[in-house]
């Protein structure tokens, strides 16, 4: 019986999340952060959800994704920044009363 060959992952789930957060810090406001990465079906890419989050409130929802290689510290692809910002603005509008209540 031939077993499928599995590539060794050099980049851990924690590293994928850290790589994504570093990448986001260069291009996005501070409320956008990496959530828990998971492997794609091919197993050679980490798919990292990007969420909008606020202190004492937590995650308001997902705004996009970043794809990170499992073999090298490299972002392969991502949701366009403007698209993530627009999704973040919509989430902010939806939750603005709760956000304002925590900061008054």
N, C-alpha and C. Protein backbone atom coordinates (compact mmCIF):
# COMPACT_ATOMS: atom_id res chain seq x y z
N UNK A 1 0.84 -1.17 0.00
CA UNK A 1 0.00 0.00 0.00
C UNK A 1 0.89 1.24 0.00
N UNK A 2 0.61 2.16 -0.92
CA UNK A 2 1.35 3.41 -0.99
C UNK A 2 0.66 4.48 -0.16
N UNK A 3 1.39 5.02 0.78
CA UNK A 3 0.86 6.08 1.62
C UNK A 3 1.18 7.42 0.97
N UNK A 4 0.31 8.42 1.13
CA UNK A 4 0.60 9.73 0.55
C UNK A 4 1.82 10.35 1.20
N UNK A 5 2.56 11.09 0.41
CA UNK A 5 3.76 11.74 0.90
C UNK A 5 3.36 13.08 1.52
N UNK A 6 3.81 13.33 2.73
CA UNK A 6 3.50 14.58 3.40
C UNK A 6 4.74 15.44 3.45
N UNK A 7 4.58 16.69 3.04
CA UNK A 7 5.70 17.63 3.12
C UNK A 7 5.88 18.05 4.57
N UNK A 8 7.12 18.19 4.94
CA UNK A 8 7.41 18.67 6.29
C UNK A 8 7.12 20.17 6.35
N UNK A 9 6.33 20.55 7.33
CA UNK A 9 6.04 21.96 7.53
C UNK A 9 7.13 22.58 8.39
N UNK A 10 7.79 23.57 7.84
CA UNK A 10 8.82 24.28 8.58
C UNK A 10 8.20 25.43 9.36
N UNK A 11 7.19 26.06 8.79
CA UNK A 11 6.51 27.18 9.43
C UNK A 11 5.35 26.62 10.26
N UNK A 12 5.39 26.88 11.56
CA UNK A 12 4.34 26.39 12.47
C UNK A 12 3.11 27.30 12.39
N UNK A 13 2.04 26.86 13.00
CA UNK A 13 0.81 27.65 13.05
C UNK A 13 1.08 28.99 13.76
N UNK A 14 1.86 28.97 14.83
CA UNK A 14 2.19 30.19 15.57
C UNK A 14 3.03 31.14 14.71
N UNK A 15 3.98 30.56 13.97
CA UNK A 15 4.81 31.39 13.10
C UNK A 15 3.99 32.00 11.97
N UNK A 16 3.06 31.24 11.42
CA UNK A 16 2.20 31.76 10.35
C UNK A 16 1.39 32.95 10.86
N UNK A 17 0.90 32.84 12.08
CA UNK A 17 0.13 33.93 12.67
C UNK A 17 1.04 35.14 12.91
N UNK A 18 2.25 34.92 13.40
CA UNK A 18 3.19 36.02 13.64
C UNK A 18 3.61 36.68 12.32
N UNK A 19 3.88 35.90 11.30
CA UNK A 19 4.25 36.43 9.98
C UNK A 19 3.13 37.31 9.45
N UNK A 20 1.90 36.84 9.62
CA UNK A 20 0.74 37.60 9.16
C UNK A 20 0.60 38.90 9.93
N UNK A 21 0.73 38.86 11.24
CA UNK A 21 0.60 40.09 12.03
C UNK A 21 1.69 41.10 11.69
N UNK A 22 2.90 40.63 11.45
CA UNK A 22 3.97 41.54 11.04
C UNK A 22 3.65 42.16 9.68
N UNK A 23 3.17 41.36 8.76
CA UNK A 23 2.77 41.83 7.44
C UNK A 23 1.66 42.89 7.57
N UNK A 24 0.65 42.60 8.38
CA UNK A 24 -0.46 43.54 8.57
C UNK A 24 0.00 44.85 9.19
N UNK A 25 0.96 44.78 10.11
CA UNK A 25 1.42 45.99 10.79
C UNK A 25 2.05 47.00 9.83
N UNK A 26 2.51 46.53 8.70
CA UNK A 26 3.11 47.43 7.70
C UNK A 26 2.06 48.12 6.83
N UNK A 27 0.84 47.59 6.77
CA UNK A 27 -0.14 48.08 5.80
C UNK A 27 -1.52 48.42 6.36
N UNK A 28 -1.83 47.93 7.55
CA UNK A 28 -3.20 48.06 8.06
C UNK A 28 -3.21 48.72 9.45
N UNK A 29 -4.34 49.35 9.81
CA UNK A 29 -4.46 49.91 11.17
C UNK A 29 -4.38 48.81 12.23
N UNK A 30 -4.18 49.22 13.47
CA UNK A 30 -3.90 48.27 14.55
C UNK A 30 -5.06 47.39 14.98
N UNK A 31 -6.26 47.65 14.58
CA UNK A 31 -7.40 46.82 14.98
C UNK A 31 -7.55 45.56 14.12
N UNK A 32 -6.76 45.46 13.07
CA UNK A 32 -6.80 44.30 12.17
C UNK A 32 -5.71 43.33 12.62
N UNK A 33 -6.09 42.07 12.84
CA UNK A 33 -5.13 41.10 13.36
C UNK A 33 -5.40 39.70 12.81
N UNK A 34 -4.39 38.86 12.93
CA UNK A 34 -4.51 37.48 12.46
C UNK A 34 -5.26 36.64 13.48
N UNK A 35 -6.15 35.80 12.98
CA UNK A 35 -6.87 34.84 13.81
C UNK A 35 -6.14 33.50 13.67
N UNK A 36 -6.76 32.41 14.06
CA UNK A 36 -6.15 31.08 14.07
C UNK A 36 -5.96 30.54 12.64
N UNK A 37 -4.71 30.32 12.21
CA UNK A 37 -4.45 29.76 10.87
C UNK A 37 -4.91 28.31 10.76
N UNK A 38 -5.20 27.92 9.54
CA UNK A 38 -5.49 26.51 9.25
C UNK A 38 -4.89 26.18 7.88
N UNK A 39 -4.60 24.90 7.68
CA UNK A 39 -4.00 24.47 6.41
C UNK A 39 -5.06 24.41 5.31
N UNK A 40 -4.64 24.75 4.10
CA UNK A 40 -5.51 24.59 2.95
C UNK A 40 -5.57 23.10 2.61
N UNK A 41 -6.42 22.73 1.67
CA UNK A 41 -6.57 21.32 1.31
C UNK A 41 -5.27 20.71 0.79
N UNK A 42 -4.45 21.51 0.13
CA UNK A 42 -3.19 20.98 -0.40
C UNK A 42 -2.16 20.76 0.70
N UNK A 43 -2.33 21.42 1.85
CA UNK A 43 -1.42 21.24 2.97
C UNK A 43 -0.12 22.01 2.87
N UNK A 44 0.05 22.82 1.83
CA UNK A 44 1.31 23.55 1.69
C UNK A 44 1.17 25.05 1.92
N UNK A 45 -0.02 25.46 2.37
CA UNK A 45 -0.28 26.88 2.61
C UNK A 45 -1.12 27.02 3.87
N UNK A 46 -0.72 27.99 4.71
CA UNK A 46 -1.54 28.36 5.86
C UNK A 46 -2.52 29.43 5.40
N UNK A 47 -3.79 29.23 5.68
CA UNK A 47 -4.80 30.26 5.42
C UNK A 47 -5.08 30.93 6.76
N UNK A 48 -4.80 32.22 6.82
CA UNK A 48 -4.91 32.96 8.07
C UNK A 48 -6.06 33.97 7.96
N UNK A 49 -7.14 33.75 8.71
CA UNK A 49 -8.24 34.72 8.69
C UNK A 49 -7.79 36.04 9.33
N UNK A 50 -8.23 37.15 8.77
CA UNK A 50 -7.94 38.47 9.33
C UNK A 50 -9.23 38.98 9.95
N UNK A 51 -9.14 39.40 11.20
CA UNK A 51 -10.32 39.86 11.92
C UNK A 51 -10.14 41.31 12.36
N UNK A 52 -11.26 41.97 12.60
CA UNK A 52 -11.28 43.29 13.21
C UNK A 52 -11.61 43.07 14.68
N UNK A 53 -10.77 43.60 15.56
CA UNK A 53 -10.96 43.35 16.99
C UNK A 53 -10.75 44.62 17.79
N UNK A 54 -11.42 44.69 18.93
CA UNK A 54 -11.30 45.83 19.85
C UNK A 54 -11.05 45.31 21.25
N UNK A 55 -10.23 46.04 22.04
CA UNK A 55 -10.01 45.64 23.43
C UNK A 55 -11.33 45.59 24.20
N UNK A 56 -11.46 44.66 25.09
CA UNK A 56 -12.62 44.46 25.94
C UNK A 56 -13.89 44.07 25.18
N UNK A 57 -13.84 44.06 23.86
CA UNK A 57 -14.98 43.65 23.04
C UNK A 57 -14.67 42.33 22.35
N UNK A 58 -13.47 42.24 21.79
CA UNK A 58 -13.05 41.04 21.08
C UNK A 58 -13.27 41.19 19.58
N UNK A 59 -13.37 40.07 18.92
CA UNK A 59 -13.51 40.06 17.46
C UNK A 59 -14.89 40.52 17.04
N UNK A 60 -14.91 41.41 16.03
CA UNK A 60 -16.18 41.84 15.44
C UNK A 60 -16.50 41.03 14.20
N UNK A 61 -15.51 40.32 13.66
CA UNK A 61 -15.73 39.49 12.49
C UNK A 61 -14.54 39.46 11.56
N UNK A 62 -14.62 38.58 10.59
CA UNK A 62 -13.54 38.39 9.62
C UNK A 62 -13.67 39.41 8.49
N UNK A 63 -12.52 39.96 8.08
CA UNK A 63 -12.50 40.95 7.00
C UNK A 63 -11.72 40.48 5.78
N UNK A 64 -10.97 39.39 5.91
CA UNK A 64 -10.18 38.90 4.79
C UNK A 64 -9.31 37.73 5.20
N UNK A 65 -8.37 37.37 4.32
CA UNK A 65 -7.44 36.28 4.60
C UNK A 65 -6.06 36.62 4.06
N UNK A 66 -5.07 35.98 4.66
CA UNK A 66 -3.69 36.03 4.18
C UNK A 66 -3.23 34.59 4.03
N UNK A 67 -2.55 34.30 2.93
CA UNK A 67 -2.00 32.97 2.70
C UNK A 67 -0.50 33.02 2.94
N UNK A 68 -0.01 32.08 3.78
CA UNK A 68 1.40 32.02 4.15
C UNK A 68 1.94 30.64 3.79
N UNK A 69 3.10 30.62 3.18
CA UNK A 69 3.75 29.35 2.84
C UNK A 69 4.04 28.55 4.10
N UNK A 70 3.96 27.23 4.01
CA UNK A 70 4.34 26.39 5.15
C UNK A 70 5.83 26.07 5.13
N UNK A 71 6.51 26.43 4.05
CA UNK A 71 7.92 26.07 3.89
C UNK A 71 8.89 27.21 4.10
N UNK A 72 8.45 28.45 3.80
CA UNK A 72 9.32 29.62 3.99
C UNK A 72 8.49 30.75 4.58
N UNK A 73 9.15 31.70 5.23
CA UNK A 73 8.45 32.84 5.83
C UNK A 73 8.05 33.81 4.73
N UNK A 74 6.94 33.51 4.07
CA UNK A 74 6.52 34.33 2.94
C UNK A 74 5.00 34.39 2.84
N UNK A 75 4.49 35.62 2.68
CA UNK A 75 3.08 35.81 2.38
C UNK A 75 2.92 35.58 0.88
N UNK A 76 2.04 34.65 0.53
CA UNK A 76 1.83 34.27 -0.86
C UNK A 76 0.76 35.13 -1.52
N UNK A 77 -0.30 35.42 -0.77
CA UNK A 77 -1.42 36.18 -1.31
C UNK A 77 -2.22 36.75 -0.14
N UNK A 78 -3.08 37.71 -0.43
CA UNK A 78 -3.92 38.28 0.62
C UNK A 78 -5.11 38.99 0.00
N UNK A 79 -6.14 39.15 0.79
CA UNK A 79 -7.28 39.97 0.40
C UNK A 79 -6.75 41.40 0.22
N UNK A 80 -7.16 42.10 -0.82
CA UNK A 80 -6.68 43.47 -1.01
C UNK A 80 -6.94 44.34 0.23
N UNK A 81 -5.98 45.21 0.55
CA UNK A 81 -6.06 46.02 1.75
C UNK A 81 -7.32 46.88 1.78
N UNK A 82 -7.66 47.50 0.67
CA UNK A 82 -8.85 48.34 0.62
C UNK A 82 -10.12 47.53 0.89
N UNK A 83 -10.15 46.31 0.39
CA UNK A 83 -11.30 45.43 0.63
C UNK A 83 -11.42 45.09 2.12
N UNK A 84 -10.28 44.83 2.77
CA UNK A 84 -10.31 44.55 4.21
C UNK A 84 -10.74 45.78 5.00
N UNK A 85 -10.25 46.96 4.59
CA UNK A 85 -10.63 48.19 5.29
C UNK A 85 -12.12 48.47 5.13
N UNK A 86 -12.66 48.25 3.94
CA UNK A 86 -14.10 48.46 3.73
C UNK A 86 -14.93 47.49 4.58
N UNK A 87 -14.50 46.23 4.62
CA UNK A 87 -15.20 45.24 5.45
C UNK A 87 -15.13 45.64 6.92
N UNK A 88 -13.98 46.17 7.34
CA UNK A 88 -13.81 46.64 8.71
C UNK A 88 -14.73 47.81 9.03
N UNK A 89 -14.88 48.73 8.07
CA UNK A 89 -15.78 49.87 8.28
C UNK A 89 -17.22 49.40 8.43
N UNK A 90 -17.61 48.41 7.64
CA UNK A 90 -18.97 47.87 7.75
C UNK A 90 -19.20 47.20 9.11
N UNK A 91 -18.21 46.45 9.56
CA UNK A 91 -18.32 45.83 10.88
C UNK A 91 -18.37 46.88 11.99
N UNK A 92 -17.57 47.93 11.83
CA UNK A 92 -17.57 49.01 12.82
C UNK A 92 -18.95 49.66 12.88
N UNK A 93 -19.53 49.94 11.71
CA UNK A 93 -20.87 50.55 11.68
C UNK A 93 -21.90 49.66 12.37
N UNK A 94 -21.81 48.37 12.09
CA UNK A 94 -22.76 47.42 12.68
C UNK A 94 -22.64 47.36 14.21
N UNK A 95 -21.43 47.51 14.73
CA UNK A 95 -21.17 47.36 16.16
C UNK A 95 -20.81 48.68 16.84
N UNK A 96 -21.07 49.81 16.20
CA UNK A 96 -20.60 51.09 16.73
C UNK A 96 -21.16 51.41 18.11
N UNK A 97 -22.41 51.06 18.39
CA UNK A 97 -22.97 51.35 19.72
C UNK A 97 -22.19 50.61 20.82
N UNK A 98 -21.90 49.35 20.60
CA UNK A 98 -21.14 48.56 21.59
C UNK A 98 -19.72 49.08 21.74
N UNK A 99 -19.11 49.48 20.63
CA UNK A 99 -17.74 50.01 20.68
C UNK A 99 -17.73 51.31 21.46
N UNK A 100 -18.63 52.23 21.14
CA UNK A 100 -18.68 53.53 21.82
C UNK A 100 -18.96 53.35 23.31
N UNK A 101 -19.83 52.42 23.67
CA UNK A 101 -20.18 52.20 25.07
C UNK A 101 -18.97 51.80 25.90
N UNK A 102 -18.03 51.05 25.31
CA UNK A 102 -16.84 50.62 26.05
C UNK A 102 -15.82 51.73 26.22
N UNK A 103 -15.90 52.77 25.41
CA UNK A 103 -14.87 53.81 25.47
C UNK A 103 -15.39 55.14 26.01
N UNK A 104 -16.59 55.15 26.55
CA UNK A 104 -17.13 56.39 27.16
C UNK A 104 -16.79 56.47 28.62
